[in-house]
Amino acid sequence: MPLSNAVILVVLGLLPSLLWLSYFIKRDIHPEPKYLVTKVFLMGIIVSPLAILFQIAFTKLGDFSAYNIFQGGSPGFFLWASFVEEFIKFYAVRMVALNSPDFDEPVDAMIYMMVAGLGFAAIENILVLFRTIPDGAEIALKVWAFRALGATLLHALSSALVGYFLAMAWFFRDHHRKLLIIGLVLATVFHFSFNMFLSTADNQFLGILKGTGLLLVMSFLVSLLFDRIKQRHARLTASQVHAA
């Protein structure tokens, strides 16, 4: 493949994540430092190979087992892959942002988790484009468009759900592990459901319809949780000022 074509595929793979990132950041009333947003986004890209390794290891278990759950494309595989990806995205934020002095509001947890999710989605999009381009440019572009509106947004929204429970740990520090587990489980369920809708539907249109419906539900839920965290933090801040 000519270098110029490879560069185009990389740019196309990055573009959906960058557009969603720009959209979400513009909606943030108190924008996060650009350097930290960039670091989290890049870390989401850097840690993505770990998810691939864990997924490969899972399928390799099938060599030693008669159970179909270990086979790629099985419900068991999709469930494992969904959990691994959600945990890896959390790990990216934990490495870069959680201990940063600029991580100074509960809602930051949701924002940085979304950023990590978009970084993770970017590398997925790039890999998918390189894998589908041999089937023709038209097919590759269709896959790209679907992932731009589907899988890329899914990664951002599922990560935001984990971020909400990280934000709740701001208020309930003694229960931060339990809250993290709840967040990872919930995000995994949504992620897994999206993948299953697309892979098991009787026809492609029905799968896309179900997946789109799920994304709309997730979008509404994440928006609701954003507002809830902001209001809770505002009340806490007001009570602290009043007490002082």
Protein backbone atom coordinates (compact mmCIF):
# COMPACT_ATOMS: atom_id res chain seq x y z
CA MET A 1 0.00 0.00 0.00
CA PRO A 2 1.41 3.43 -0.94
CA LEU A 3 2.37 5.61 2.01
CA SER A 4 -0.07 8.33 0.92
CA ASN A 5 -2.99 5.88 1.09
CA ALA A 6 -1.90 4.70 4.53
CA VAL A 7 -1.79 8.29 5.76
CA ILE A 8 -5.30 8.91 4.41
CA LEU A 9 -6.61 5.85 6.25
CA VAL A 10 -5.00 6.98 9.51
CA VAL A 11 -6.49 10.47 9.15
CA LEU A 12 -9.92 9.04 8.36
CA GLY A 13 -9.65 6.75 11.37
CA LEU A 14 -8.82 9.65 13.67
CA LEU A 15 -11.39 12.06 12.25
CA PRO A 16 -14.59 10.71 13.90
CA SER A 17 -12.98 10.71 17.34
CA LEU A 18 -11.62 14.22 16.87
CA LEU A 19 -15.00 15.53 15.71
CA TRP A 20 -16.83 13.98 18.66
CA LEU A 21 -14.10 15.23 20.99
CA SER A 22 -14.51 18.77 19.67
CA TYR A 23 -18.29 18.53 20.12
CA PHE A 24 -18.12 17.33 23.72
CA ILE A 25 -15.40 19.80 24.75
CA LYS A 26 -17.37 22.74 23.37
CA ARG A 27 -20.29 21.73 25.59
CA ASP A 28 -18.08 21.84 28.69
CA ILE A 29 -18.72 25.08 30.57
CA HIS A 30 -15.35 24.80 32.33
CA PRO A 31 -13.00 23.49 29.63
CA GLU A 32 -10.30 21.08 30.74
CA PRO A 33 -6.61 21.88 30.12
CA LYS A 34 -5.74 21.04 26.53
CA TYR A 35 -2.50 19.33 27.55
CA LEU A 36 -4.34 16.90 29.81
CA VAL A 37 -7.10 16.23 27.29
CA THR A 38 -4.41 15.46 24.72
CA LYS A 39 -2.54 13.15 27.10
CA VAL A 40 -5.69 11.21 27.96
CA PHE A 41 -6.67 10.92 24.29
CA LEU A 42 -3.22 9.63 23.37
CA MET A 43 -3.21 7.24 26.31
CA GLY A 44 -6.51 5.85 25.06
CA ILE A 45 -4.69 5.07 21.81
CA ILE A 46 -1.57 3.71 23.49
CA VAL A 47 -3.33 1.22 25.77
CA SER A 48 -5.60 -0.15 23.05
CA PRO A 49 -3.17 -2.95 22.07
CA LEU A 50 -3.64 -4.35 25.58
CA ALA A 51 -7.30 -4.98 24.80
CA ILE A 52 -6.33 -6.80 21.61
CA LEU A 53 -3.87 -8.99 23.51
CA PHE A 54 -6.45 -9.91 26.16
CA GLN A 55 -9.00 -10.70 23.47
CA ILE A 56 -6.54 -12.93 21.62
CA ALA A 57 -5.66 -14.68 24.87
CA PHE A 58 -9.36 -15.34 25.47
CA THR A 59 -9.82 -16.98 22.07
CA LYS A 60 -6.66 -19.05 22.62
CA LEU A 61 -8.39 -20.63 25.60
CA GLY A 62 -10.60 -22.30 23.03
CA ASP A 63 -7.64 -24.48 22.07
CA PHE A 64 -7.85 -26.09 25.50
CA SER A 65 -11.62 -26.10 25.94
CA ALA A 66 -14.61 -27.62 24.21
CA TYR A 67 -16.83 -24.69 25.17
CA ASN A 68 -17.97 -22.33 22.41
CA ILE A 69 -17.83 -19.29 24.69
CA PHE A 70 -14.14 -18.87 23.89
CA GLN A 71 -14.63 -18.64 20.14
CA GLY A 72 -14.34 -15.28 18.44
CA GLY A 73 -17.79 -13.92 17.60
CA SER A 74 -19.52 -15.89 20.35
CA PRO A 75 -21.57 -14.12 23.05
CA GLY A 76 -18.91 -15.09 25.58
CA PHE A 77 -16.23 -13.45 23.48
CA PHE A 78 -18.27 -10.27 23.00
CA LEU A 79 -18.91 -10.07 26.74
CA TRP A 80 -15.23 -10.51 27.55
CA ALA A 81 -14.16 -8.03 24.86
CA SER A 82 -16.65 -5.44 26.11
CA PHE A 83 -15.41 -5.71 29.69
CA VAL A 84 -11.74 -5.61 28.70
CA GLU A 85 -12.22 -2.52 26.56
CA GLU A 86 -14.12 -0.68 29.29
CA PHE A 87 -11.46 -1.53 31.86
CA ILE A 88 -8.61 -0.55 29.53
CA LYS A 89 -10.19 2.87 28.93
CA PHE A 90 -10.53 3.38 32.67
CA TYR A 91 -6.90 2.34 33.08
CA ALA A 92 -5.85 5.05 30.61
CA VAL A 93 -7.57 7.73 32.70
CA ARG A 94 -6.20 6.29 35.93
CA MET A 95 -2.65 6.47 34.59
CA VAL A 96 -2.83 10.03 33.30
CA ALA A 97 -5.60 12.07 34.88
CA LEU A 98 -6.91 10.78 38.21
CA ASN A 99 -3.99 12.11 40.24
CA SER A 100 -3.58 15.32 38.26
CA PRO A 101 -4.17 18.61 40.14
CA ASP A 102 -6.33 19.66 37.18
CA PHE A 103 -8.71 16.82 38.01
CA ASP A 104 -10.56 19.11 40.40
CA GLU A 105 -14.28 18.49 39.83
CA PRO A 106 -16.37 15.30 39.92
CA VAL A 107 -17.67 15.89 36.40
CA ASP A 108 -14.06 15.75 35.16
CA ALA A 109 -14.25 11.97 35.59
CA MET A 110 -16.97 11.72 32.96
CA ILE A 111 -15.18 14.07 30.60
CA TYR A 112 -11.80 12.36 30.76
CA MET A 113 -13.37 8.91 30.45
CA MET A 114 -15.09 10.06 27.27
CA VAL A 115 -11.80 11.42 25.95
CA ALA A 116 -10.06 8.10 26.64
CA GLY A 117 -12.93 6.27 24.95
CA LEU A 118 -12.56 8.40 21.85
CA GLY A 119 -8.82 7.77 21.76
CA PHE A 120 -9.47 4.04 22.03
CA ALA A 121 -12.09 4.23 19.27
CA ALA A 122 -9.65 6.06 17.00
CA ILE A 123 -7.19 3.18 16.88
CA GLU A 124 -10.06 0.72 16.38
CA ASN A 125 -11.30 2.76 13.44
CA ILE A 126 -7.84 2.87 11.90
CA LEU A 127 -7.39 -0.89 12.22
CA VAL A 128 -10.84 -1.58 10.75
CA LEU A 129 -10.13 0.68 7.77
CA PHE A 130 -6.86 -1.12 7.03
CA ARG A 131 -8.68 -4.44 7.29
CA THR A 132 -11.60 -3.47 5.02
CA ILE A 133 -9.81 -1.45 2.35
CA PRO A 134 -8.85 -4.62 0.40
CA ASP A 135 -12.62 -5.16 -0.10
CA GLY A 136 -12.81 -1.86 -1.95
CA ALA A 137 -12.93 1.84 -1.15
CA GLU A 138 -16.74 1.97 -1.23
CA ILE A 139 -17.13 -0.73 1.41
CA ALA A 140 -14.39 0.82 3.54
CA LEU A 141 -16.12 4.20 3.45
CA LYS A 142 -19.47 2.66 4.42
CA VAL A 143 -17.85 0.92 7.36
CA TRP A 144 -16.09 4.17 8.30
CA ALA A 145 -19.34 6.15 8.22
CA PHE A 146 -21.13 3.58 10.34
CA ARG A 147 -18.33 3.48 12.91
CA ALA A 148 -18.17 7.28 13.00
CA LEU A 149 -21.80 7.47 14.08
CA GLY A 150 -22.00 4.15 15.89
CA ALA A 151 -19.00 2.47 17.50
CA THR A 152 -17.09 5.72 18.10
CA LEU A 153 -20.02 7.27 19.95
CA LEU A 154 -20.59 4.00 21.81
CA HIS A 155 -17.06 4.11 23.22
CA ALA A 156 -17.54 7.70 24.39
CA LEU A 157 -20.92 7.03 26.02
CA SER A 158 -20.01 3.75 27.69
CA SER A 159 -16.87 5.38 29.08
CA ALA A 160 -18.96 8.27 30.36
CA LEU A 161 -21.05 5.78 32.37
CA VAL A 162 -17.90 4.54 34.08
CA GLY A 163 -16.94 8.17 34.59
CA TYR A 164 -20.22 8.87 36.37
CA PHE A 165 -19.49 6.25 39.02
CA LEU A 166 -15.93 7.55 39.35
CA ALA A 167 -17.49 10.96 39.93
CA MET A 168 -19.80 9.50 42.57
CA ALA A 169 -16.71 8.16 44.34
CA TRP A 170 -15.81 11.83 44.85
CA PHE A 171 -18.71 12.00 47.29
CA PHE A 172 -18.48 8.46 48.68
CA ARG A 173 -14.76 7.81 48.92
CA ASP A 174 -15.18 4.79 51.19
CA HIS A 175 -17.10 3.02 48.43
CA HIS A 176 -14.94 3.93 45.43
CA ARG A 177 -14.13 0.30 44.53
CA LYS A 178 -17.77 -0.76 44.62
CA LEU A 179 -18.75 2.25 42.53
CA LEU A 180 -16.04 1.51 39.98
CA ILE A 181 -17.21 -2.10 39.66
CA ILE A 182 -20.81 -0.97 39.18
CA GLY A 183 -19.71 1.47 36.49
CA LEU A 184 -17.64 -1.13 34.64
CA VAL A 185 -20.45 -3.68 34.79
CA LEU A 186 -23.05 -1.20 33.52
CA ALA A 187 -20.80 0.01 30.70
CA THR A 188 -19.99 -3.59 29.77
CA VAL A 189 -23.69 -4.47 29.57
CA PHE A 190 -24.42 -1.57 27.21
CA HIS A 191 -21.30 -2.26 25.13
CA PHE A 192 -22.11 -5.97 24.93
CA SER A 193 -25.73 -5.28 24.00
CA PHE A 194 -24.68 -2.99 21.15
CA ASN A 195 -22.32 -5.61 19.73
CA MET A 196 -24.94 -8.36 20.04
CA PHE A 197 -27.63 -6.24 18.37
CA LEU A 198 -25.39 -5.81 15.34
CA SER A 199 -24.05 -9.35 15.17
CA THR A 200 -27.21 -11.38 15.82
CA ALA A 201 -29.92 -9.37 14.05
CA ASP A 202 -31.87 -11.16 11.31
CA ASN A 203 -30.88 -8.42 8.89
CA GLN A 204 -28.45 -5.52 8.84
CA PHE A 205 -31.12 -2.83 8.96
CA LEU A 206 -32.72 -4.32 12.07
CA GLY A 207 -29.34 -4.52 13.78
CA ILE A 208 -28.56 -0.90 12.96
CA LEU A 209 -32.02 0.15 14.15
CA LYS A 210 -31.55 -1.60 17.50
CA GLY A 211 -28.03 -0.22 17.87
CA THR A 212 -29.21 3.31 17.10
CA GLY A 213 -31.99 3.00 19.65
CA LEU A 214 -29.51 1.88 22.27
CA LEU A 215 -27.21 4.82 21.51
CA LEU A 216 -30.13 7.23 21.89
CA VAL A 217 -30.97 5.73 25.28
CA MET A 218 -27.33 5.97 26.33
CA SER A 219 -27.08 9.57 25.11
CA PHE A 220 -30.12 10.55 27.16
CA LEU A 221 -28.80 8.71 30.22
CA VAL A 222 -25.32 10.24 30.00
CA SER A 223 -26.78 13.74 29.58
CA LEU A 224 -28.96 13.14 32.63
CA LEU A 225 -26.02 11.90 34.68
CA PHE A 226 -23.87 14.87 33.64
CA ASP A 227 -26.51 17.25 34.97
CA ARG A 228 -26.96 15.19 38.13
CA ILE A 229 -23.25 15.27 38.97
CA LYS A 230 -23.00 19.00 38.31
CA GLN A 231 -26.00 19.73 40.53
CA ARG A 232 -24.73 17.50 43.32
CA HIS A 233 -21.32 19.17 43.26
CA ALA A 234 -22.92 22.63 43.19
CA ARG A 235 -24.98 21.78 46.28
CA LEU A 236 -21.92 20.44 48.08
CA THR A 237 -19.89 23.53 47.23
CA ALA A 238 -22.71 25.83 48.35
CA SER A 239 -23.06 23.99 51.67
CA GLN A 240 -19.31 24.21 52.29
CA VAL A 241 -19.29 27.95 51.57
CA HIS A 242 -22.29 28.43 53.86
CA ALA A 243 -20.62 26.42 56.63
CA ALA A 244 -17.44 28.48 56.32
